[in-house]
Amino acid sequence: MKALVVDDSLTIRRIVIKALGLVGINETVEAADGTEAVKAASEGSFDLILLDWNMPKMTGIDALRTLRQAGNKTPVVMVTTEAEKSRVLEAIKTGANDYLIKPFSPEQLAAKVKNALGVPAS
């Protein structure tokens, strides 16, 4: 399986990539902002996108909106510090499949990834 990991923090991208290995996702592409994410998603095929909200150039929610408007149906998990209920609802209404609030454990991320991919929890 292949995932697109989008966060302006290199450290967070590394943590996410390591956690993805726990669920057997070992092929990843990284993007540091929403603009890079949209470009990568339009040029490649992914099984999953993990998307931060607050990033330079283009926010994650704007990237998600752009992807969905372009017909991209890849499952998306928002991975963000945005914890307000209104933000969670906005992300889900915009097309996110799940939502994970930072900080998180590798096990929490694995559970969200499995949920987004429709894999039963172990």
PDB file of N, CA and C in Angstrom:
ATOM      1  N   MET A   1       0.843  -1.187   0.000  1.00  0.00           N
ATOM      2  CA  MET A   1       0.000   0.000   0.000  1.00  0.00           C
ATOM      3  C   MET A   1       0.883   1.244   0.000  1.00  0.00           C
ATOM      4  N   LYS A   2       0.327   2.308  -0.535  1.00  0.00           N
ATOM      5  CA  LYS A   2       1.089   3.547  -0.700  1.00  0.00           C
ATOM      6  C   LYS A   2       0.328   4.715  -0.071  1.00  0.00           C
ATOM      7  N   ALA A   3       1.039   5.530   0.731  1.00  0.00           N
ATOM      8  CA  ALA A   3       0.411   6.661   1.399  1.00  0.00           C
ATOM      9  C   ALA A   3       1.131   7.960   1.067  1.00  0.00           C
ATOM     10  N   LEU A   4       0.348   9.035   1.011  1.00  0.00           N
ATOM     11  CA  LEU A   4       0.870  10.388   0.883  1.00  0.00           C
ATOM     12  C   LEU A   4       0.798  11.021   2.269  1.00  0.00           C
ATOM     13  N   VAL A   5       1.949  11.438   2.795  1.00  0.00           N
ATOM     14  CA  VAL A   5       2.040  12.009   4.140  1.00  0.00           C
ATOM     15  C   VAL A   5       2.322  13.502   3.996  1.00  0.00           C
ATOM     16  N   VAL A   6       1.376  14.326   4.468  1.00  0.00           N
ATOM     17  CA  VAL A   6       1.459  15.766   4.249  1.00  0.00           C
ATOM     18  C   VAL A   6       1.490  16.503   5.587  1.00  0.00           C
ATOM     19  N   ASP A   7       2.610  17.150   5.866  1.00  0.00           N
ATOM     20  CA  ASP A   7       2.756  17.963   7.083  1.00  0.00           C
ATOM     21  C   ASP A   7       3.944  18.881   6.862  1.00  0.00           C
ATOM     22  N   ASP A   8       3.853  20.112   7.344  1.00  0.00           N
ATOM     23  CA  ASP A   8       4.977  21.032   7.176  1.00  0.00           C
ATOM     24  C   ASP A   8       6.126  20.710   8.124  1.00  0.00           C
ATOM     25  N   SER A   9       5.907  19.842   9.101  1.00  0.00           N
ATOM     26  CA  SER A   9       6.960  19.423  10.025  1.00  0.00           C
ATOM     27  C   SER A   9       7.595  18.117   9.570  1.00  0.00           C
ATOM     28  N   LEU A  10       8.883  18.160   9.273  1.00  0.00           N
ATOM     29  CA  LEU A  10       9.611  16.949   8.890  1.00  0.00           C
ATOM     30  C   LEU A  10       9.536  15.914  10.002  1.00  0.00           C
ATOM     31  N   THR A  11       9.640  16.358  11.249  1.00  0.00           N
ATOM     32  CA  THR A  11       9.587  15.443  12.394  1.00  0.00           C
ATOM     33  C   THR A  11       8.260  14.695  12.431  1.00  0.00           C
ATOM     34  N   ILE A  12       7.162  15.404  12.248  1.00  0.00           N
ATOM     35  CA  ILE A  12       5.843  14.753  12.248  1.00  0.00           C
ATOM     36  C   ILE A  12       5.733  13.778  11.079  1.00  0.00           C
ATOM     37  N   ARG A  13       6.224  14.179   9.908  1.00  0.00           N
ATOM     38  CA  ARG A  13       6.180  13.258   8.756  1.00  0.00           C
ATOM     39  C   ARG A  13       6.931  11.973   9.080  1.00  0.00           C
ATOM     40  N   ARG A  14       8.071  12.065   9.723  1.00  0.00           N
ATOM     41  CA  ARG A  14       8.859  10.869  10.081  1.00  0.00           C
ATOM     42  C   ARG A  14       8.105   9.988  11.077  1.00  0.00           C
ATOM     43  N   ILE A  15       7.475  10.624  12.073  1.00  0.00           N
ATOM     44  CA  ILE A  15       6.699   9.868  13.069  1.00  0.00           C
ATOM     45  C   ILE A  15       5.535   9.145  12.393  1.00  0.00           C
ATOM     46  N   VAL A  16       4.837   9.842  11.513  1.00  0.00           N
ATOM     47  CA  VAL A  16       3.695   9.250  10.804  1.00  0.00           C
ATOM     48  C   VAL A  16       4.163   8.080   9.934  1.00  0.00           C
ATOM     49  N   ILE A  17       5.250   8.274   9.216  1.00  0.00           N
ATOM     50  CA  ILE A  17       5.756   7.220   8.332  1.00  0.00           C
ATOM     51  C   ILE A  17       6.140   5.981   9.134  1.00  0.00           C
ATOM     52  N   LYS A  18       6.777   6.192  10.280  1.00  0.00           N
ATOM     53  CA  LYS A  18       7.148   5.061  11.136  1.00  0.00           C
ATOM     54  C   LYS A  18       5.902   4.330  11.625  1.00  0.00           C
ATOM     55  N   ALA A  19       4.887   5.088  12.045  1.00  0.00           N
ATOM     56  CA  ALA A  19       3.644   4.478  12.525  1.00  0.00           C
ATOM     57  C   ALA A  19       2.917   3.731  11.405  1.00  0.00           C
ATOM     58  N   LEU A  20       2.995   4.240  10.182  1.00  0.00           N
ATOM     59  CA  LEU A  20       2.353   3.548   9.053  1.00  0.00           C
ATOM     60  C   LEU A  20       2.949   2.155   8.847  1.00  0.00           C
ATOM     61  N   GLY A  21       4.222   2.016   9.152  1.00  0.00           N
ATOM     62  CA  GLY A  21       4.859   0.701   9.041  1.00  0.00           C
ATOM     63  C   GLY A  21       4.192  -0.342   9.923  1.00  0.00           C
ATOM     64  N   LEU A  22       3.587   0.103  11.026  1.00  0.00           N
ATOM     65  CA  LEU A  22       2.903  -0.822  11.933  1.00  0.00           C
ATOM     66  C   LEU A  22       1.684  -1.467  11.286  1.00  0.00           C
ATOM     67  N   VAL A  23       1.120  -0.821  10.278  1.00  0.00           N
ATOM     68  CA  VAL A  23      -0.051  -1.376   9.592  1.00  0.00           C
ATOM     69  C   VAL A  23       0.303  -1.835   8.174  1.00  0.00           C
ATOM     70  N   GLY A  24       1.599  -1.994   7.924  1.00  0.00           N
ATOM     71  CA  GLY A  24       2.037  -2.556   6.650  1.00  0.00           C
ATOM     72  C   GLY A  24       2.103  -1.584   5.492  1.00  0.00           C
ATOM     73  N   ILE A  25       2.056  -0.287   5.770  1.00  0.00           N
ATOM     74  CA  ILE A  25       2.206   0.702   4.703  1.00  0.00           C
ATOM     75  C   ILE A  25       3.654   1.166   4.714  1.00  0.00           C
ATOM     76  N   ASN A  26       4.425   0.669   3.770  1.00  0.00           N
ATOM     77  CA  ASN A  26       5.857   0.957   3.740  1.00  0.00           C
ATOM     78  C   ASN A  26       6.278   1.812   2.554  1.00  0.00           C
ATOM     79  N   GLU A  27       5.344   2.097   1.664  1.00  0.00           N
ATOM     80  CA  GLU A  27       5.646   2.968   0.532  1.00  0.00           C
ATOM     81  C   GLU A  27       4.958   4.310   0.777  1.00  0.00           C
ATOM     82  N   THR A  28       5.777   5.365   0.901  1.00  0.00           N
ATOM     83  CA  THR A  28       5.223   6.676   1.203  1.00  0.00           C
ATOM     84  C   THR A  28       5.840   7.757   0.316  1.00  0.00           C
ATOM     85  N   VAL A  29       5.062   8.787   0.104  1.00  0.00           N
ATOM     86  CA  VAL A  29       5.520  10.003  -0.556  1.00  0.00           C
ATOM     87  C   VAL A  29       5.230  11.129   0.422  1.00  0.00           C
ATOM     88  N   GLU A  30       6.157  12.076   0.538  1.00  0.00           N
ATOM     89  CA  GLU A  30       5.995  13.176   1.476  1.00  0.00           C
ATOM     90  C   GLU A  30       5.715  14.483   0.750  1.00  0.00           C
ATOM     91  N   ALA A  31       4.911  15.333   1.421  1.00  0.00           N
ATOM     92  CA  ALA A  31       4.656  16.693   0.940  1.00  0.00           C
ATOM     93  C   ALA A  31       4.663  17.606   2.162  1.00  0.00           C
ATOM     94  N   ALA A  32       5.167  18.838   1.977  1.00  0.00           N
ATOM     95  CA  ALA A  32       5.317  19.770   3.096  1.00  0.00           C
ATOM     96  C   ALA A  32       4.215  20.822   3.167  1.00  0.00           C
ATOM     97  N   ASP A  33       3.309  20.831   2.192  1.00  0.00           N
ATOM     98  CA  ASP A  33       2.197  21.784   2.237  1.00  0.00           C
ATOM     99  C   ASP A  33       1.085  21.298   1.314  1.00  0.00           C
ATOM    100  N   GLY A  34      -0.045  21.993   1.373  1.00  0.00           N
ATOM    101  CA  GLY A  34      -1.202  21.583   0.588  1.00  0.00           C
ATOM    102  C   GLY A  34      -0.986  21.628  -0.910  1.00  0.00           C
ATOM    103  N   THR A  35      -0.210  22.603  -1.364  1.00  0.00           N
ATOM    104  CA  THR A  35       0.075  22.710  -2.800  1.00  0.00           C
ATOM    105  C   THR A  35       0.838  21.478  -3.285  1.00  0.00           C
ATOM    106  N   GLU A  36       1.862  21.088  -2.527  1.00  0.00           N
ATOM    107  CA  GLU A  36       2.626  19.880  -2.873  1.00  0.00           C
ATOM    108  C   GLU A  36       1.737  18.639  -2.820  1.00  0.00           C
ATOM    109  N   ALA A  37       0.820  18.617  -1.852  1.00  0.00           N
ATOM    110  CA  ALA A  37      -0.076  17.469  -1.709  1.00  0.00           C
ATOM    111  C   ALA A  37      -0.982  17.308  -2.924  1.00  0.00           C
ATOM    112  N   VAL A  38      -1.578  18.401  -3.354  1.00  0.00           N
ATOM    113  CA  VAL A  38      -2.473  18.354  -4.516  1.00  0.00           C
ATOM    114  C   VAL A  38      -1.695  17.904  -5.751  1.00  0.00           C
ATOM    115  N   LYS A  39      -0.488  18.440  -5.923  1.00  0.00           N
ATOM    116  CA  LYS A  39       0.347  18.062  -7.063  1.00  0.00           C
ATOM    117  C   LYS A  39       0.686  16.575  -7.020  1.00  0.00           C
ATOM    118  N   ALA A  40       1.135  16.093  -5.848  1.00  0.00           N
ATOM    119  CA  ALA A  40       1.501  14.678  -5.718  1.00  0.00           C
ATOM    120  C   ALA A  40       0.301  13.772  -5.967  1.00  0.00           C
ATOM    121  N   ALA A  41      -0.853  14.144  -5.421  1.00  0.00           N
ATOM    122  CA  ALA A  41      -2.052  13.326  -5.583  1.00  0.00           C
ATOM    123  C   ALA A  41      -2.527  13.293  -7.026  1.00  0.00           C
ATOM    124  N   SER A  42      -2.292  14.368  -7.767  1.00  0.00           N
ATOM    125  CA  SER A  42      -2.712  14.396  -9.174  1.00  0.00           C
ATOM    126  C   SER A  42      -1.744  13.633 -10.069  1.00  0.00           C
ATOM    127  N   GLU A  43      -0.514  13.464  -9.603  1.00  0.00           N
ATOM    128  CA  GLU A  43       0.508  12.779 -10.413  1.00  0.00           C
ATOM    129  C   GLU A  43       0.673  11.306 -10.059  1.00  0.00           C
ATOM    130  N   GLY A  44       0.151  10.887  -8.915  1.00  0.00           N
ATOM    131  CA  GLY A  44       0.341   9.503  -8.488  1.00  0.00           C
ATOM    132  C   GLY A  44      -0.923   8.919  -7.908  1.00  0.00           C
ATOM    133  N   SER A  45      -0.874   7.624  -7.664  1.00  0.00           N
ATOM    134  CA  SER A  45      -2.012   6.916  -7.085  1.00  0.00           C
ATOM    135  C   SER A  45      -1.652   6.509  -5.657  1.00  0.00           C
ATOM    136  N   PHE A  46      -2.554   6.805  -4.727  1.00  0.00           N
ATOM    137  CA  PHE A  46      -2.318   6.509  -3.322  1.00  0.00           C
ATOM    138  C   PHE A  46      -3.506   5.739  -2.747  1.00  0.00           C
ATOM    139  N   ASP A  47      -3.210   4.907  -1.761  1.00  0.00           N
ATOM    140  CA  ASP A  47      -4.261   4.179  -1.051  1.00  0.00           C
ATOM    141  C   ASP A  47      -4.804   4.995   0.110  1.00  0.00           C
ATOM    142  N   LEU A  48      -4.006   5.989   0.551  1.00  0.00           N
ATOM    143  CA  LEU A  48      -4.348   6.771   1.730  1.00  0.00           C
ATOM    144  C   LEU A  48      -3.591   8.099   1.701  1.00  0.00           C
ATOM    145  N   ILE A  49      -4.238   9.148   2.207  1.00  0.00           N
ATOM    146  CA  ILE A  49      -3.578  10.442   2.380  1.00  0.00           C
ATOM    147  C   ILE A  49      -3.730  10.852   3.835  1.00  0.00           C
ATOM    148  N   LEU A  50      -2.618  11.201   4.480  1.00  0.00           N
ATOM    149  CA  LEU A  50      -2.636  11.750   5.840  1.00  0.00           C
ATOM    150  C   LEU A  50      -2.287  13.216   5.729  1.00  0.00           C
ATOM    151  N   LEU A  51      -3.163  14.075   6.219  1.00  0.00           N
ATOM    152  CA  LEU A  51      -3.108  15.487   5.877  1.00  0.00           C
ATOM    153  C   LEU A  51      -3.204  16.378   7.111  1.00  0.00           C
ATOM    154  N   ASP A  52      -2.187  17.220   7.314  1.00  0.00           N
ATOM    155  CA  ASP A  52      -2.209  18.226   8.376  1.00  0.00           C
ATOM    156  C   ASP A  52      -3.141  19.362   7.957  1.00  0.00           C
ATOM    157  N   TRP A  53      -3.634  20.117   8.917  1.00  0.00           N
ATOM    158  CA  TRP A  53      -4.522  21.240   8.613  1.00  0.00           C
ATOM    159  C   TRP A  53      -3.732  22.520   8.377  1.00  0.00           C
ATOM    160  N   ASN A  54      -2.910  22.897   9.344  1.00  0.00           N
ATOM    161  CA  ASN A  54      -2.213  24.192   9.311  1.00  0.00           C
ATOM    162  C   ASN A  54      -0.856  24.072   8.636  1.00  0.00           C
ATOM    163  N   MET A  55      -0.788  24.536   7.396  1.00  0.00           N
ATOM    164  CA  MET A  55       0.454  24.489   6.626  1.00  0.00           C
ATOM    165  C   MET A  55       0.566  25.751   5.785  1.00  0.00           C
ATOM    166  N   PRO A  56       1.803  26.105   5.399  1.00  0.00           N
ATOM    167  CA  PRO A  56       1.981  27.285   4.530  1.00  0.00           C
ATOM    168  C   PRO A  56       1.473  27.010   3.110  1.00  0.00           C
ATOM    169  N   LYS A  57       1.344  28.051   2.350  1.00  0.00           N
ATOM    170  CA  LYS A  57       0.927  28.033   0.940  1.00  0.00           C
ATOM    171  C   LYS A  57      -0.534  27.631   0.758  1.00  0.00           C
ATOM    172  N   MET A  58      -0.892  26.426   1.197  1.00  0.00           N
ATOM    173  CA  MET A  58      -2.269  25.952   1.112  1.00  0.00           C
ATOM    174  C   MET A  58      -2.537  25.083   2.327  1.00  0.00           C
ATOM    175  N   THR A  59      -3.607  25.382   3.043  1.00  0.00           N
ATOM    176  CA  THR A  59      -3.935  24.582   4.228  1.00  0.00           C
ATOM    177  C   THR A  59      -4.394  23.181   3.824  1.00  0.00           C
ATOM    178  N   GLY A  60      -4.389  22.298   4.785  1.00  0.00           N
ATOM    179  CA  GLY A  60      -4.850  20.940   4.531  1.00  0.00           C
ATOM    180  C   GLY A  60      -6.315  20.871   4.151  1.00  0.00           C
ATOM    181  N   ILE A  61      -7.138  21.702   4.798  1.00  0.00           N
ATOM    182  CA  ILE A  61      -8.562  21.680   4.473  1.00  0.00           C
ATOM    183  C   ILE A  61      -8.797  22.187   3.051  1.00  0.00           C
ATOM    184  N   ASP A  62      -8.017  23.180   2.617  1.00  0.00           N
ATOM    185  CA  ASP A  62      -8.139  23.655   1.235  1.00  0.00           C
ATOM    186  C   ASP A  62      -7.639  22.603   0.247  1.00  0.00           C
ATOM    187  N   ALA A  63      -6.578  21.895   0.623  1.00  0.00           N
ATOM    188  CA  ALA A  63      -6.076  20.810  -0.230  1.00  0.00           C
ATOM    189  C   ALA A  63      -7.122  19.704  -0.341  1.00  0.00           C
ATOM    190  N   LEU A  64      -7.737  19.352   0.779  1.00  0.00           N
ATOM    191  CA  LEU A  64      -8.784  18.331   0.778  1.00  0.00           C
ATOM    192  C   LEU A  64      -9.941  18.759  -0.120  1.00  0.00           C
ATOM    193  N   ARG A  65     -10.358  19.997   0.022  1.00  0.00           N
ATOM    194  CA  ARG A  65     -11.453  20.526  -0.802  1.00  0.00           C
ATOM    195  C   ARG A  65     -11.093  20.438  -2.294  1.00  0.00           C
ATOM    196  N   THR A  66      -9.856  20.825  -2.625  1.00  0.00           N
ATOM    197  CA  THR A  66      -9.391  20.786  -4.019  1.00  0.00           C
ATOM    198  C   THR A  66      -9.375  19.352  -4.542  1.00  0.00           C
ATOM    199  N   LEU A  67      -8.885  18.431  -3.732  1.00  0.00           N
ATOM    200  CA  LEU A  67      -8.835  17.023  -4.150  1.00  0.00           C
ATOM    201  C   LEU A  67     -10.236  16.469  -4.393  1.00  0.00           C
ATOM    202  N   ARG A  68     -11.143  16.737  -3.472  1.00  0.00           N
ATOM    203  CA  ARG A  68     -12.507  16.211  -3.618  1.00  0.00           C
ATOM    204  C   ARG A  68     -13.216  16.838  -4.819  1.00  0.00           C
ATOM    205  N   GLN A  69     -13.002  18.135  -5.047  1.00  0.00           N
ATOM    206  CA  GLN A  69     -13.631  18.790  -6.194  1.00  0.00           C
ATOM    207  C   GLN A  69     -13.093  18.239  -7.511  1.00  0.00           C
ATOM    208  N   ALA A  70     -11.846  17.745  -7.483  1.00  0.00           N
ATOM    209  CA  ALA A  70     -11.243  17.155  -8.685  1.00  0.00           C
ATOM    210  C   ALA A  70     -11.639  15.686  -8.859  1.00  0.00           C
ATOM    211  N   GLY A  71     -12.445  15.175  -7.931  1.00  0.00           N
ATOM    212  CA  GLY A  71     -12.911  13.799  -8.043  1.00  0.00           C
ATOM    213  C   GLY A  71     -12.027  12.772  -7.370  1.00  0.00           C
ATOM    214  N   ASN A  72     -11.017  13.215  -6.624  1.00  0.00           N
ATOM    215  CA  ASN A  72     -10.129  12.280  -5.928  1.00  0.00           C
ATOM    216  C   ASN A  72     -10.882  11.677  -4.747  1.00  0.00           C
ATOM    217  N   LYS A  73     -10.986  10.347  -4.729  1.00  0.00           N
ATOM    218  CA  LYS A  73     -11.738   9.643  -3.692  1.00  0.00           C
ATOM    219  C   LYS A  73     -10.829   8.892  -2.712  1.00  0.00           C
ATOM    220  N   THR A  74      -9.527   9.137  -2.773  1.00  0.00           N
ATOM    221  CA  THR A  74      -8.588   8.481  -1.866  1.00  0.00           C
ATOM    222  C   THR A  74      -8.968   8.777  -0.420  1.00  0.00           C
ATOM    223  N   PRO A  75      -9.009   7.749   0.450  1.00  0.00           N
ATOM    224  CA  PRO A  75      -9.306   8.003   1.862  1.00  0.00           C
ATOM    225  C   PRO A  75      -8.306   8.997   2.468  1.00  0.00           C
ATOM    226  N   VAL A  76      -8.835   9.938   3.260  1.00  0.00           N
ATOM    227  CA  VAL A  76      -8.008  10.966   3.895  1.00  0.00           C
ATOM    228  C   VAL A  76      -8.231  10.945   5.401  1.00  0.00           C
ATOM    229  N   VAL A  77      -7.120  10.938   6.143  1.00  0.00           N
ATOM    230  CA  VAL A  77      -7.164  11.135   7.593  1.00  0.00           C
ATOM    231  C   VAL A  77      -6.502  12.474   7.869  1.00  0.00           C
ATOM    232  N   MET A  78      -7.247  13.390   8.461  1.00  0.00           N
ATOM    233  CA  MET A  78      -6.671  14.659   8.906  1.00  0.00           C
ATOM    234  C   MET A  78      -5.895  14.367  10.191  1.00  0.00           C
ATOM    235  N   VAL A  79      -4.649  14.811  10.252  1.00  0.00           N
ATOM    236  CA  VAL A  79      -3.792  14.618  11.427  1.00  0.00           C
ATOM    237  C   VAL A  79      -3.343  16.011  11.843  1.00  0.00           C
ATOM    238  N   THR A  80      -3.952  16.552  12.910  1.00  0.00           N
ATOM    239  CA  THR A  80      -3.807  17.976  13.186  1.00  0.00           C
ATOM    240  C   THR A  80      -3.969  18.323  14.657  1.00  0.00           C
ATOM    241  N   THR A  81      -3.566  19.531  15.000  1.00  0.00           N
ATOM    242  CA  THR A  81      -3.786  20.044  16.353  1.00  0.00           C
ATOM    243  C   THR A  81      -5.150  20.703  16.484  1.00  0.00           C
ATOM    244  N   GLU A  82      -5.865  20.859  15.385  1.00  0.00           N
ATOM    245  CA  GLU A  82      -7.192  21.495  15.396  1.00  0.00           C
ATOM    246  C   GLU A  82      -8.185  20.574  16.100  1.00  0.00           C
ATOM    247  N   ALA A  83      -8.486  20.889  17.370  1.00  0.00           N
ATOM    248  CA  ALA A  83      -9.286  19.985  18.188  1.00  0.00           C
ATOM    249  C   ALA A  83     -10.744  20.418  18.370  1.00  0.00           C
ATOM    250  N   GLU A  84     -11.097  21.620  17.924  1.00  0.00           N
ATOM    251  CA  GLU A  84     -12.477  22.077  18.118  1.00  0.00           C
ATOM    252  C   GLU A  84     -13.445  21.216  17.307  1.00  0.00           C
ATOM    253  N   LYS A  85     -14.593  20.950  17.913  1.00  0.00           N
ATOM    254  CA  LYS A  85     -15.612  20.118  17.262  1.00  0.00           C
ATOM    255  C   LYS A  85     -15.998  20.677  15.898  1.00  0.00           C
ATOM    256  N   SER A  86     -16.069  22.008  15.783  1.00  0.00           N
ATOM    257  CA  SER A  86     -16.450  22.617  14.507  1.00  0.00           C
ATOM    258  C   SER A  86     -15.434  22.293  13.408  1.00  0.00           C
ATOM    259  N   ARG A  87     -14.162  22.210  13.773  1.00  0.00           N
ATOM    260  CA  ARG A  87     -13.124  21.876  12.789  1.00  0.00           C
ATOM    261  C   ARG A  87     -13.235  20.418  12.355  1.00  0.00           C
ATOM    262  N   VAL A  88     -13.494  19.546  13.320  1.00  0.00           N
ATOM    263  CA  VAL A  88     -13.669  18.126  12.995  1.00  0.00           C
ATOM    264  C   VAL A  88     -14.839  17.972  12.025  1.00  0.00           C
ATOM    265  N   LEU A  89     -15.949  18.621  12.340  1.00  0.00           N
ATOM    266  CA  LEU A  89     -17.136  18.534  11.473  1.00  0.00           C
ATOM    267  C   LEU A  89     -16.861  19.112  10.092  1.00  0.00           C
ATOM    268  N   GLU A  90     -16.132  20.221  10.036  1.00  0.00           N
ATOM    269  CA  GLU A  90     -15.790  20.822   8.742  1.00  0.00           C
ATOM    270  C   GLU A  90     -14.966  19.852   7.895  1.00  0.00           C
ATOM    271  N   ALA A  91     -13.996  19.205   8.533  1.00  0.00           N
ATOM    272  CA  ALA A  91     -13.151  18.259   7.798  1.00  0.00           C
ATOM    273  C   ALA A  91     -13.965  17.084   7.264  1.00  0.00           C
ATOM    274  N   ILE A  92     -14.840  16.537   8.099  1.00  0.00           N
ATOM    275  CA  ILE A  92     -15.662  15.398   7.670  1.00  0.00           C
ATOM    276  C   ILE A  92     -16.610  15.824   6.542  1.00  0.00           C
ATOM    277  N   LYS A  93     -17.229  16.998   6.688  1.00  0.00           N
ATOM    278  CA  LYS A  93     -18.128  17.491   5.636  1.00  0.00           C
ATOM    279  C   LYS A  93     -17.385  17.762   4.332  1.00  0.00           C
ATOM    280  N   THR A  94     -16.114  18.149   4.441  1.00  0.00           N
ATOM    281  CA  THR A  94     -15.318  18.445   3.249  1.00  0.00           C
ATOM    282  C   THR A  94     -14.854  17.161   2.557  1.00  0.00           C
ATOM    283  N   GLY A  95     -14.884  16.044   3.281  1.00  0.00           N
ATOM    284  CA  GLY A  95     -14.535  14.777   2.650  1.00  0.00           C
ATOM    285  C   GLY A  95     -13.488  13.947   3.354  1.00  0.00           C
ATOM    286  N   ALA A  96     -13.054  14.364   4.551  1.00  0.00           N
ATOM    287  CA  ALA A  96     -12.108  13.535   5.306  1.00  0.00           C
ATOM    288  C   ALA A  96     -12.814  12.278   5.780  1.00  0.00           C
ATOM    289  N   ASN A  97     -12.098  11.164   5.784  1.00  0.00           N
ATOM    290  CA  ASN A  97     -12.667   9.903   6.240  1.00  0.00           C
ATOM    291  C   ASN A  97     -12.507   9.713   7.743  1.00  0.00           C
ATOM    292  N   ASP A  98     -11.498  10.367   8.308  1.00  0.00           N
ATOM    293  CA  ASP A  98     -11.284  10.291   9.755  1.00  0.00           C
ATOM    294  C   ASP A  98     -10.435  11.475  10.183  1.00  0.00           C
ATOM    295  N   TYR A  99     -10.239  11.591  11.488  1.00  0.00           N
ATOM    296  CA  TYR A  99      -9.621  12.778  12.066  1.00  0.00           C
ATOM    297  C   TYR A  99      -8.825  12.351  13.286  1.00  0.00           C
ATOM    298  N   LEU A 100      -7.563  12.750  13.362  1.00  0.00           N
ATOM    299  CA  LEU A 100      -6.699  12.397  14.488  1.00  0.00           C
ATOM    300  C   LEU A 100      -6.052  13.662  15.024  1.00  0.00           C
ATOM    301  N   ILE A 101      -6.199  13.878  16.315  1.00  0.00           N
ATOM    302  CA  ILE A 101      -5.669  15.088  16.943  1.00  0.00           C
ATOM    303  C   ILE A 101      -4.271  14.819  17.494  1.00  0.00           C
ATOM    304  N   LYS A 102      -3.336  15.721  17.156  1.00  0.00           N
ATOM    305  CA  LYS A 102      -1.973  15.658  17.685  1.00  0.00           C
ATOM    306  C   LYS A 102      -1.986  16.169  19.125  1.00  0.00           C
ATOM    307  N   PRO A 103      -1.133  15.643  20.001  1.00  0.00           N
ATOM    308  CA  PRO A 103      -0.234  14.518  19.788  1.00  0.00           C
ATOM    309  C   PRO A 103      -1.012  13.194  19.805  1.00  0.00           C
ATOM    310  N   PHE A 104      -0.438  12.183  19.195  1.00  0.00           N
ATOM    311  CA  PHE A 104      -1.089  10.883  19.084  1.00  0.00           C
ATOM    312  C   PHE A 104      -0.047   9.791  19.293  1.00  0.00           C
ATOM    313  N   SER A 105      -0.526   8.612  19.609  1.00  0.00           N
ATOM    314  CA  SER A 105       0.360   7.452  19.729  1.00  0.00           C
ATOM    315  C   SER A 105       0.374   6.710  18.395  1.00  0.00           C
ATOM    316  N   PRO A 106       1.414   5.921  18.149  1.00  0.00           N
ATOM    317  CA  PRO A 106       1.421   5.113  16.919  1.00  0.00           C
ATOM    318  C   PRO A 106       0.202   4.197  16.826  1.00  0.00           C
ATOM    319  N   GLU A 107      -0.262   3.716  17.961  1.00  0.00           N
ATOM    320  CA  GLU A 107      -1.429   2.833  17.974  1.00  0.00           C
ATOM    321  C   GLU A 107      -2.701   3.587  17.581  1.00  0.00           C
ATOM    322  N   GLN A 108      -2.814   4.840  18.038  1.00  0.00           N
ATOM    323  CA  GLN A 108      -3.976   5.651  17.651  1.00  0.00           C
ATOM    324  C   GLN A 108      -3.973   5.908  16.147  1.00  0.00           C
ATOM    325  N   LEU A 109      -2.800   6.226  15.615  1.00  0.00           N
ATOM    326  CA  LEU A 109      -2.696   6.464  14.176  1.00  0.00           C
ATOM    327  C   LEU A 109      -3.036   5.194  13.406  1.00  0.00           C
ATOM    328  N   ALA A 110      -2.516   4.067  13.863  1.00  0.00           N
ATOM    329  CA  ALA A 110      -2.795   2.793  13.192  1.00  0.00           C
ATOM    330  C   ALA A 110      -4.292   2.509  13.165  1.00  0.00           C
ATOM    331  N   ALA A 111      -4.987   2.780  14.269  1.00  0.00           N
ATOM    332  CA  ALA A 111      -6.435   2.549  14.328  1.00  0.00           C
ATOM    333  C   ALA A 111      -7.180   3.444  13.340  1.00  0.00           C
ATOM    334  N   LYS A 112      -6.778   4.709  13.238  1.00  0.00           N
ATOM    335  CA  LYS A 112      -7.426   5.638  12.308  1.00  0.00           C
ATOM    336  C   LYS A 112      -7.178   5.222  10.860  1.00  0.00           C
ATOM    337  N   VAL A 113      -5.963   4.778  10.577  1.00  0.00           N
ATOM    338  CA  VAL A 113      -5.618   4.326   9.227  1.00  0.00           C
ATOM    339  C   VAL A 113      -6.456   3.106   8.856  1.00  0.00           C
ATOM    340  N   LYS A 114      -6.532   2.153   9.761  1.00  0.00           N
ATOM    341  CA  LYS A 114      -7.344   0.955   9.498  1.00  0.00           C
ATOM    342  C   LYS A 114      -8.798   1.332   9.257  1.00  0.00           C
ATOM    343  N   ASN A 115      -9.323   2.252  10.060  1.00  0.00           N
ATOM    344  CA  ASN A 115     -10.705   2.701   9.898  1.00  0.00           C
ATOM    345  C   ASN A 115     -10.913   3.341   8.524  1.00  0.00           C
ATOM    346  N   ALA A 116      -9.996   4.228   8.138  1.00  0.00           N
ATOM    347  CA  ALA A 116     -10.128   4.917   6.850  1.00  0.00           C
ATOM    348  C   ALA A 116     -10.061   3.946   5.677  1.00  0.00           C
ATOM    349  N   LEU A 117      -9.264   2.889   5.854  1.00  0.00           N
ATOM    350  CA  LEU A 117      -9.102   1.905   4.784  1.00  0.00           C
ATOM    351  C   LEU A 117     -10.156   0.797   4.837  1.00  0.00           C
ATOM    352  N   GLY A 118     -10.998   0.824   5.877  1.00  0.00           N
ATOM    353  CA  GLY A 118     -12.032  -0.197   6.009  1.00  0.00           C
ATOM    354  C   GLY A 118     -11.500  -1.531   6.473  1.00  0.00           C
ATOM    355  N   VAL A 119     -10.374  -1.502   7.187  1.00  0.00           N
ATOM    356  CA  VAL A 119      -9.773  -2.737   7.716  1.00  0.00           C
ATOM    357  C   VAL A 119     -10.294  -2.945   9.130  1.00  0.00           C
ATOM    358  N   PRO A 120     -10.775  -4.145   9.466  1.00  0.00           N
ATOM    359  CA  PRO A 120     -11.260  -4.384  10.832  1.00  0.00           C
ATOM    360  C   PRO A 120     -10.148  -4.185  11.860  1.00  0.00           C
ATOM    361  N   ALA A 121     -10.512  -3.614  13.012  1.00  0.00           N
ATOM    362  CA  ALA A 121      -9.539  -3.419  14.101  1.00  0.00           C
ATOM    363  C   ALA A 121      -9.109  -4.781  14.626  1.00  0.00           C
ATOM    364  N   SER A 122      -7.830  -4.868  15.007  1.00  0.00           N
ATOM    365  CA  SER A 122      -7.343  -6.159  15.515  1.00  0.00           C
ATOM    366  C   SER A 122      -7.422  -6.226  17.016  1.00  0.00           C
TER     367      SER A 122
END
